Amino acid sequence: MAVKTENRVQSVLVKYFMDLQVDPDTPYPEELGDMNQSGIDFEVSKLYEYMRKDTTCRDPYIMDTISEHDIIRLFESPDDNIRISALLSIMDKRIPQLQLGARV
């Protein structure tokens, strides 16, 4: 379930979140498809923990009325609230079982 990188264990979802920042076409993490709801809940909690510790984003939101193309353009925003919200929005669109809209 977790991936070890740079002497630090990261969740599959955190790795996907970080990879999306580099390449918006990063493939869906297949490991999530095999997880039960408690595993997904754990992954989402690790993602939010990462966001609290490693970003200045304190007010994320889901952009559910904006096209994926327009959201991806916001990945480069210098405002962490906008950039992180854009990343979460793409993840919410691509992996609906995470139910990020209900968790933000």
C-alpha atoms as a PDB file:
ATOM      1  CA  MET A   1       0.000   0.000   0.000  1.00  0.00           C
ATOM      2  CA  ALA A   2       2.797   2.451   0.793  1.00  0.00           C
ATOM      3  CA  VAL A   3       5.717   3.350  -1.454  1.00  0.00           C
ATOM      4  CA  LYS A   4       9.195   3.997  -0.053  1.00  0.00           C
ATOM      5  CA  THR A   5      10.894   6.999  -1.627  1.00  0.00           C
ATOM      6  CA  GLU A   6      13.845   9.050  -0.452  1.00  0.00           C
ATOM      7  CA  ASN A   7      14.065   7.099   2.831  1.00  0.00           C
ATOM      8  CA  ARG A   8      10.463   8.029   3.587  1.00  0.00           C
ATOM      9  CA  VAL A   9       7.315   5.949   3.247  1.00  0.00           C
ATOM     10  CA  GLN A  10       4.585   7.622   1.221  1.00  0.00           C
ATOM     11  CA  SER A  11       1.096   6.528   0.487  1.00  0.00           C
ATOM     12  CA  VAL A  12       0.044   5.595  -3.022  1.00  0.00           C
ATOM     13  CA  LEU A  13      -2.279   8.610  -3.088  1.00  0.00           C
ATOM     14  CA  VAL A  14       0.439  11.060  -1.976  1.00  0.00           C
ATOM     15  CA  LYS A  15       2.734   9.700  -4.683  1.00  0.00           C
ATOM     16  CA  TYR A  16      -0.021  10.128  -7.293  1.00  0.00           C
ATOM     17  CA  PHE A  17      -0.653  13.676  -6.020  1.00  0.00           C
ATOM     18  CA  MET A  18       3.064  14.517  -6.350  1.00  0.00           C
ATOM     19  CA  ASP A  19       3.344  12.855  -9.772  1.00  0.00           C
ATOM     20  CA  LEU A  20       0.335  14.832 -11.070  1.00  0.00           C
ATOM     21  CA  GLN A  21       2.211  18.051 -10.333  1.00  0.00           C
ATOM     22  CA  VAL A  22       4.915  16.972 -12.769  1.00  0.00           C
ATOM     23  CA  ASP A  23       2.729  15.236 -15.365  1.00  0.00           C
ATOM     24  CA  PRO A  24      -1.058  15.762 -15.488  1.00  0.00           C
ATOM     25  CA  ASP A  25      -1.341  12.583 -17.581  1.00  0.00           C
ATOM     26  CA  THR A  26       0.080  10.407 -14.811  1.00  0.00           C
ATOM     27  CA  PRO A  27      -1.772   7.090 -14.944  1.00  0.00           C
ATOM     28  CA  TYR A  28      -4.326   6.171 -12.316  1.00  0.00           C
ATOM     29  CA  PRO A  29      -2.701   4.290  -9.412  1.00  0.00           C
ATOM     30  CA  GLU A  30      -4.012   0.772  -9.949  1.00  0.00           C
ATOM     31  CA  GLU A  31      -3.318  -0.105  -6.297  1.00  0.00           C
ATOM     32  CA  LEU A  32      -6.324   2.017  -5.290  1.00  0.00           C
ATOM     33  CA  GLY A  33      -8.643  -0.248  -7.276  1.00  0.00           C
ATOM     34  CA  ASP A  34      -7.750  -3.184  -5.029  1.00  0.00           C
ATOM     35  CA  MET A  35      -8.356  -1.340  -1.750  1.00  0.00           C
ATOM     36  CA  ASN A  36     -11.395  -1.600   0.448  1.00  0.00           C
ATOM     37  CA  GLN A  37     -13.010   1.542   1.890  1.00  0.00           C
ATOM     38  CA  SER A  38     -10.838   1.579   5.026  1.00  0.00           C
ATOM     39  CA  GLY A  39      -7.705   1.452   2.856  1.00  0.00           C
ATOM     40  CA  ILE A  40      -8.994   4.329   0.745  1.00  0.00           C
ATOM     41  CA  ASP A  41      -9.860   6.298   3.889  1.00  0.00           C
ATOM     42  CA  PHE A  42      -6.298   5.722   5.144  1.00  0.00           C
ATOM     43  CA  GLU A  43      -4.859   6.922   1.825  1.00  0.00           C
ATOM     44  CA  VAL A  44      -7.001  10.074   1.886  1.00  0.00           C
ATOM     45  CA  SER A  45      -5.958  10.805   5.480  1.00  0.00           C
ATOM     46  CA  LYS A  46      -2.275  10.475   4.467  1.00  0.00           C
ATOM     47  CA  LEU A  47      -2.902  12.864   1.568  1.00  0.00           C
ATOM     48  CA  TYR A  48      -4.478  15.486   3.847  1.00  0.00           C
ATOM     49  CA  GLU A  49      -1.670  15.005   6.381  1.00  0.00           C
ATOM     50  CA  TYR A  50       0.855  15.629   3.593  1.00  0.00           C
ATOM     51  CA  MET A  51      -1.040  18.748   2.477  1.00  0.00           C
ATOM     52  CA  ARG A  52      -1.083  20.165   6.037  1.00  0.00           C
ATOM     53  CA  LYS A  53       2.604  19.493   6.632  1.00  0.00           C
ATOM     54  CA  ASP A  54       4.128  20.247   3.221  1.00  0.00           C
ATOM     55  CA  THR A  55       1.978  22.994   1.707  1.00  0.00           C
ATOM     56  CA  THR A  56       0.530  26.320   2.795  1.00  0.00           C
ATOM     57  CA  CYS A  57      -2.935  25.305   1.571  1.00  0.00           C
ATOM     58  CA  ARG A  58      -5.477  25.737   4.366  1.00  0.00           C
ATOM     59  CA  ASP A  59      -8.680  26.170   2.391  1.00  0.00           C
ATOM     60  CA  PRO A  60      -8.900  23.534  -0.383  1.00  0.00           C
ATOM     61  CA  TYR A  61     -12.030  23.188  -2.465  1.00  0.00           C
ATOM     62  CA  ILE A  62     -13.234  21.062  -5.362  1.00  0.00           C
ATOM     63  CA  MET A  63     -13.669  22.784  -8.733  1.00  0.00           C
ATOM     64  CA  ASP A  64     -16.525  20.662  -9.996  1.00  0.00           C
ATOM     65  CA  THR A  65     -17.945  23.107 -12.551  1.00  0.00           C
ATOM     66  CA  ILE A  66     -14.673  23.783 -14.397  1.00  0.00           C
ATOM     67  CA  SER A  67     -13.357  21.654 -17.273  1.00  0.00           C
ATOM     68  CA  GLU A  68     -10.397  19.363 -16.660  1.00  0.00           C
ATOM     69  CA  HIS A  69      -8.347  21.320 -19.215  1.00  0.00           C
ATOM     70  CA  ASP A  70      -8.901  24.607 -17.349  1.00  0.00           C
ATOM     71  CA  ILE A  71      -8.182  22.990 -13.984  1.00  0.00           C
ATOM     72  CA  ILE A  72      -4.864  21.553 -15.195  1.00  0.00           C
ATOM     73  CA  ARG A  73      -3.743  25.067 -16.162  1.00  0.00           C
ATOM     74  CA  LEU A  74      -4.055  26.000 -12.466  1.00  0.00           C
ATOM     75  CA  PHE A  75      -1.423  23.411 -11.461  1.00  0.00           C
ATOM     76  CA  GLU A  76       1.183  26.154 -11.960  1.00  0.00           C
ATOM     77  CA  SER A  77      -0.541  28.714  -9.713  1.00  0.00           C
ATOM     78  CA  PRO A  78       1.753  30.307  -7.120  1.00  0.00           C
ATOM     79  CA  ASP A  79      -1.208  30.347  -4.682  1.00  0.00           C
ATOM     80  CA  ASP A  80      -1.142  27.014  -2.822  1.00  0.00           C
ATOM     81  CA  ASN A  81      -4.895  27.143  -2.125  1.00  0.00           C
ATOM     82  CA  ILE A  82      -5.613  27.314  -5.865  1.00  0.00           C
ATOM     83  CA  ARG A  83      -2.883  24.875  -6.925  1.00  0.00           C
ATOM     84  CA  ILE A  84      -3.782  22.236  -4.338  1.00  0.00           C
ATOM     85  CA  SER A  85      -7.492  22.679  -5.036  1.00  0.00           C
ATOM     86  CA  ALA A  86      -6.813  22.114  -8.735  1.00  0.00           C
ATOM     87  CA  LEU A  87      -4.891  18.922  -8.012  1.00  0.00           C
ATOM     88  CA  LEU A  88      -7.614  17.647  -5.685  1.00  0.00           C
ATOM     89  CA  SER A  89     -10.247  18.514  -8.283  1.00  0.00           C
ATOM     90  CA  ILE A  90      -8.507  16.434 -10.946  1.00  0.00           C
ATOM     91  CA  MET A  91      -8.122  13.561  -8.511  1.00  0.00           C
ATOM     92  CA  ASP A  92     -11.825  13.836  -7.624  1.00  0.00           C
ATOM     93  CA  LYS A  93     -12.780  13.682 -11.311  1.00  0.00           C
ATOM     94  CA  ARG A  94     -10.465  10.767 -12.097  1.00  0.00           C
ATOM     95  CA  ILE A  95     -10.929   8.732  -8.910  1.00  0.00           C
ATOM     96  CA  PRO A  96     -14.507   9.285  -7.743  1.00  0.00           C
ATOM     97  CA  GLN A  97     -14.331   6.488  -5.154  1.00  0.00           C
ATOM     98  CA  LEU A  98     -12.095   8.766  -3.050  1.00  0.00           C
ATOM     99  CA  GLN A  99     -15.146  11.017  -2.471  1.00  0.00           C
ATOM    100  CA  LEU A 100     -12.860  14.039  -2.086  1.00  0.00           C
ATOM    101  CA  GLY A 101     -15.749  16.439  -2.630  1.00  0.00           C
ATOM    102  CA  ALA A 102     -17.374  15.195   0.568  1.00  0.00           C
ATOM    103  CA  ARG A 103     -14.103  15.411   2.512  1.00  0.00           C
ATOM    104  CA  VAL A 104     -12.983  18.936   1.663  1.00  0.00           C
END
